[in-house]
Amino acid sequence: MGTLANAIKETLTENIMRWRGEGEMKLPSERYLSEQHSTTRVTIREALKLLETEGLIYRENRRGWFISPPKLRYDPSVHGRVSFVDYARQQGFQPSTQLLSIKLTVADRYIASEMQIAVGKPVYQVNRLRSLNGRPVLYEQMLLRADLLPNLDRFDLEGSLHALLRSEYGMTVQKADFEISVSILPNDVAQALSAPMGVSSLKFQRKYRNQHGEIFEFDHELWRHDAISINFDINN
């Protein structure tokens, strides 16, 4: 990486601190920055990539570069006991949920194996988009057993799913298996999250068991990597 790009990055870092204090969240265009620093847009992009790597800025398709807001501090151990809406609000965010689709399908071999059910068993597939302060940060795909949750598609699924399951089906979460990995956002998910194609994400996979020990829900969550930090509270 060129020394000029590093120098521009340092200058932009100082500007970002000032702009953030003034409430300005969108960076000037690459063209404007290249003219301001008397250099090429290639060099400006190098500097912006350095800032993106440090988590100071992020890019949205066709909208440009933005100053990164504070990240959501996420403790996977409380998920299922505290809703997305509640823990986001506790940290000062304004959360929202958009139901993208719900359909009744059947379990293939992979889903059947993961959920410990027979191949061909009916499951609901629910896709949701979750945002913080109006910015899409999380794409959810949930698979839920239709035999345990009949007529699930008749309910409002833009609120807390587990609160709904408690009130309407008497179902509670007794155990959750959790896995974290890094993956590339599929193109359709990147588009939904207003993220550039090919950007990395944090992928969470969960299996929830109810009070009878049955896996009733199998989730995949894809988070914008620049929107979340993982925090665990471990007590001896």
Protein backbone atom coordinates (compact mmCIF):
# COMPACT_ATOMS: atom_id res chain seq x y z
CA MET A 1 0.00 0.00 0.00
CA GLY A 2 1.45 3.35 -1.04
CA THR A 3 2.72 5.89 1.47
CA LEU A 4 0.42 8.52 -0.07
CA ALA A 5 -2.61 6.32 0.60
CA ASN A 6 -1.47 5.93 4.21
CA ALA A 7 -1.02 9.68 4.60
CA ILE A 8 -4.49 10.34 3.17
CA LYS A 9 -5.90 7.67 5.46
CA GLU A 10 -4.44 9.45 8.51
CA THR A 11 -5.92 12.77 7.38
CA LEU A 12 -9.31 11.18 6.75
CA THR A 13 -9.21 9.53 10.18
CA GLU A 14 -8.91 12.96 11.80
CA ASN A 15 -11.72 14.28 9.59
CA ILE A 16 -13.94 11.32 10.45
CA MET A 17 -13.60 12.07 14.15
CA ARG A 18 -14.65 15.66 13.49
CA TRP A 19 -17.48 14.76 11.10
CA ARG A 20 -18.85 12.21 13.55
CA GLY A 21 -18.95 14.87 16.26
CA GLU A 22 -20.86 17.15 13.89
CA GLY A 23 -23.38 14.41 13.12
CA GLU A 24 -22.22 13.99 9.51
CA MET A 25 -22.19 10.30 8.57
CA LYS A 26 -21.67 10.28 4.78
CA LEU A 27 -18.19 10.79 3.37
CA PRO A 28 -17.56 13.08 0.40
CA SER A 29 -17.45 11.34 -2.97
CA GLU A 30 -14.27 9.64 -4.19
CA ARG A 31 -14.06 12.21 -6.97
CA TYR A 32 -14.22 15.10 -4.49
CA LEU A 33 -11.60 13.48 -2.25
CA SER A 34 -9.26 12.84 -5.17
CA GLU A 35 -9.49 16.50 -6.19
CA GLN A 36 -9.05 17.68 -2.61
CA HIS A 37 -5.90 15.59 -2.16
CA SER A 38 -4.61 16.13 -5.72
CA THR A 39 -4.36 12.42 -6.42
CA THR A 40 -6.09 9.65 -8.33
CA ARG A 41 -9.28 7.86 -7.34
CA VAL A 42 -7.25 4.64 -7.19
CA THR A 43 -5.15 6.09 -4.36
CA ILE A 44 -8.28 7.39 -2.62
CA ARG A 45 -9.82 3.92 -2.81
CA GLU A 46 -6.67 2.46 -1.24
CA ALA A 47 -7.00 4.89 1.66
CA LEU A 48 -10.71 4.17 2.04
CA LYS A 49 -10.05 0.42 2.05
CA LEU A 50 -7.59 0.92 4.91
CA LEU A 51 -10.26 2.80 6.86
CA GLU A 52 -12.80 0.08 6.07
CA THR A 53 -10.40 -2.58 7.35
CA GLU A 54 -10.15 -0.71 10.64
CA GLY A 55 -13.94 -0.55 10.87
CA LEU A 56 -14.12 3.25 10.69
CA ILE A 57 -16.20 3.36 7.51
CA TYR A 58 -18.41 1.10 5.42
CA ARG A 59 -19.68 1.11 1.85
CA GLU A 60 -23.21 0.78 0.51
CA ASN A 61 -24.03 -0.10 -3.06
CA ARG A 62 -24.63 2.98 -5.22
CA ARG A 63 -24.66 5.25 -2.18
CA GLY A 64 -21.00 5.67 -1.34
CA TRP A 65 -19.00 5.56 1.89
CA PHE A 66 -20.36 6.17 5.38
CA ILE A 67 -18.87 6.60 8.83
CA SER A 68 -19.49 3.45 10.85
CA PRO A 69 -21.93 3.91 13.74
CA PRO A 70 -21.26 2.18 17.07
CA LYS A 71 -21.43 -1.61 16.77
CA LEU A 72 -24.07 -3.70 18.45
CA ARG A 73 -22.47 -5.59 21.34
CA TYR A 74 -23.79 -9.09 20.93
CA ASP A 75 -23.76 -11.85 23.54
CA PRO A 76 -24.91 -15.11 21.89
CA SER A 77 -25.47 -16.71 25.28
CA VAL A 78 -28.50 -14.50 25.96
CA HIS A 79 -30.09 -14.89 22.52
CA GLY A 80 -33.40 -16.69 22.92
CA ARG A 81 -33.85 -15.20 26.38
CA VAL A 82 -33.57 -11.55 25.34
CA SER A 83 -35.07 -10.50 22.01
CA PHE A 84 -33.20 -8.63 19.27
CA VAL A 85 -35.49 -5.65 19.84
CA ASP A 86 -34.84 -5.56 23.59
CA TYR A 87 -31.06 -5.86 23.57
CA ALA A 88 -30.77 -3.39 20.68
CA ARG A 89 -32.89 -0.84 22.54
CA GLN A 90 -30.88 -1.40 25.72
CA GLN A 91 -27.83 -0.18 23.77
CA GLY A 92 -29.56 2.91 22.41
CA PHE A 93 -30.44 1.63 18.93
CA GLN A 94 -33.78 1.87 17.16
CA PRO A 95 -34.36 -1.69 15.86
CA SER A 96 -36.84 -2.75 13.21
CA THR A 97 -37.77 -6.01 11.48
CA GLN A 98 -39.11 -6.62 7.98
CA LEU A 99 -40.68 -9.93 7.01
CA LEU A 100 -39.36 -10.76 3.54
CA SER A 101 -41.09 -14.09 2.97
CA ILE A 102 -42.66 -17.12 4.60
CA LYS A 103 -43.42 -20.37 2.85
CA LEU A 104 -44.26 -23.95 3.71
CA THR A 105 -41.71 -26.39 2.35
CA VAL A 106 -40.35 -29.83 3.21
CA ALA A 107 -37.13 -30.93 4.86
CA ASP A 108 -34.44 -32.23 2.53
CA ARG A 109 -31.74 -34.62 3.77
CA TYR A 110 -29.56 -31.83 5.16
CA ILE A 111 -32.38 -30.07 7.03
CA ALA A 112 -33.80 -33.37 8.26
CA SER A 113 -30.41 -34.38 9.63
CA GLU A 114 -29.84 -31.04 11.36
CA MET A 115 -33.34 -30.89 12.87
CA GLN A 116 -33.52 -34.62 13.65
CA ILE A 117 -36.73 -35.13 11.70
CA ALA A 118 -37.78 -37.30 8.78
CA VAL A 119 -37.00 -36.29 5.21
CA GLY A 120 -40.11 -34.68 3.72
CA LYS A 121 -41.36 -33.35 7.05
CA PRO A 122 -43.12 -29.97 6.56
CA VAL A 123 -41.21 -26.90 7.75
CA TYR A 124 -41.81 -23.19 7.51
CA GLN A 125 -39.04 -21.13 5.94
CA VAL A 126 -39.08 -17.56 7.24
CA ASN A 127 -36.77 -14.86 5.89
CA ARG A 128 -36.47 -11.55 7.74
CA LEU A 129 -34.37 -8.40 7.45
CA ARG A 130 -33.36 -6.61 10.64
CA SER A 131 -32.14 -3.03 10.87
CA LEU A 132 -30.57 -0.71 13.43
CA ASN A 133 -31.42 2.99 13.13
CA GLY A 134 -32.75 2.30 9.64
CA ARG A 135 -29.58 0.53 8.44
CA PRO A 136 -30.03 -3.14 7.40
CA VAL A 137 -27.51 -5.22 9.36
CA LEU A 138 -28.90 -8.77 9.63
CA TYR A 139 -30.49 -11.26 7.23
CA GLU A 140 -32.27 -14.15 8.96
CA GLN A 141 -33.40 -17.45 7.50
CA MET A 142 -35.35 -19.57 9.97
CA LEU A 143 -36.68 -23.08 9.52
CA LEU A 144 -39.45 -24.07 11.92
CA ARG A 145 -41.30 -27.35 12.33
CA ALA A 146 -44.79 -26.95 10.91
CA ASP A 147 -46.15 -29.96 12.82
CA LEU A 148 -45.29 -28.27 16.12
CA LEU A 149 -46.29 -24.77 14.97
CA PRO A 150 -49.43 -25.13 12.82
CA ASN A 151 -50.73 -22.02 11.05
CA LEU A 152 -47.62 -20.03 11.94
CA ASP A 153 -48.04 -18.05 8.73
CA ARG A 154 -51.22 -16.45 10.09
CA PHE A 155 -49.34 -14.48 12.73
CA ASP A 156 -47.37 -11.23 12.64
CA LEU A 157 -43.75 -12.36 12.39
CA GLU A 158 -42.12 -8.93 12.53
CA GLY A 159 -42.04 -8.96 16.33
CA SER A 160 -40.35 -11.33 18.76
CA LEU A 161 -40.76 -14.85 17.40
CA HIS A 162 -40.05 -16.57 20.70
CA ALA A 163 -42.54 -14.36 22.55
CA LEU A 164 -45.12 -15.39 19.94
CA LEU A 165 -44.29 -19.08 20.39
CA ARG A 166 -44.67 -18.77 24.15
CA SER A 167 -48.00 -16.99 24.01
CA GLU A 168 -49.63 -18.90 21.12
CA TYR A 169 -48.09 -22.37 21.34
CA GLY A 170 -46.84 -22.64 24.93
CA MET A 171 -43.36 -23.36 23.57
CA THR A 172 -40.22 -22.23 25.38
CA VAL A 173 -36.52 -22.42 24.57
CA GLN A 174 -34.69 -24.81 26.88
CA LYS A 175 -31.43 -25.17 24.98
CA ALA A 176 -29.66 -23.59 22.02
CA ASP A 177 -26.72 -24.94 20.02
CA PHE A 178 -24.65 -22.14 18.53
CA GLU A 179 -21.97 -21.92 15.84
CA ILE A 180 -20.10 -18.88 14.47
CA SER A 181 -18.22 -18.76 11.18
CA VAL A 182 -17.12 -16.25 8.55
CA SER A 183 -18.63 -16.39 5.08
CA ILE A 184 -19.20 -14.32 1.96
CA LEU A 185 -22.64 -12.76 1.58
CA PRO A 186 -24.65 -14.37 -1.23
CA ASN A 187 -25.55 -11.80 -3.87
CA ASP A 188 -29.24 -11.64 -2.95
CA VAL A 189 -28.41 -11.18 0.74
CA ALA A 190 -25.79 -8.52 -0.05
CA GLN A 191 -28.43 -6.66 -2.06
CA ALA A 192 -30.92 -6.85 0.82
CA LEU A 193 -28.27 -5.51 3.22
CA SER A 194 -27.17 -2.76 0.76
CA ALA A 195 -23.69 -4.28 0.96
CA PRO A 196 -21.13 -4.63 -1.85
CA MET A 197 -21.04 -7.96 -3.65
CA GLY A 198 -18.44 -10.35 -2.26
CA VAL A 199 -18.16 -8.70 1.16
CA SER A 200 -17.55 -10.92 4.17
CA SER A 201 -20.07 -11.50 6.94
CA LEU A 202 -20.43 -13.15 10.31
CA LYS A 203 -22.60 -16.24 10.03
CA PHE A 204 -24.45 -17.54 13.07
CA GLN A 205 -26.12 -20.94 13.01
CA ARG A 206 -28.47 -22.00 15.80
CA LYS A 207 -30.65 -24.92 16.75
CA TYR A 208 -33.28 -24.33 19.40
CA ARG A 209 -34.76 -27.11 21.53
CA ASN A 210 -38.08 -26.76 23.31
CA GLN A 211 -39.10 -27.96 26.76
CA HIS A 212 -39.55 -31.48 25.36
CA GLY A 213 -36.05 -31.64 23.91
CA GLU A 214 -37.23 -31.30 20.29
CA ILE A 215 -35.36 -29.14 17.78
CA PHE A 216 -38.16 -26.86 16.65
CA GLU A 217 -36.09 -24.12 14.97
CA PHE A 218 -32.94 -24.10 12.82
CA ASP A 219 -31.58 -20.64 12.01
CA HIS A 220 -28.97 -19.03 9.81
CA GLU A 221 -28.10 -15.40 10.49
CA LEU A 222 -25.87 -13.34 8.20
CA TRP A 223 -24.61 -10.13 9.80
CA ARG A 224 -22.77 -7.23 8.21
CA HIS A 225 -19.33 -7.71 9.73
CA ASP A 226 -19.01 -3.98 10.43
CA ALA A 227 -22.24 -3.80 12.45
CA ILE A 228 -21.58 -6.19 15.31
CA SER A 229 -19.03 -7.17 17.94
CA ILE A 230 -19.16 -10.44 19.87
CA ASN A 231 -19.06 -10.12 23.65
CA PHE A 232 -19.27 -12.92 26.21
CA ASP A 233 -19.87 -12.53 29.93
CA ILE A 234 -18.21 -15.58 31.49
CA ASN A 235 -18.60 -16.24 35.19
CA ASN A 236 -16.79 -19.00 37.07
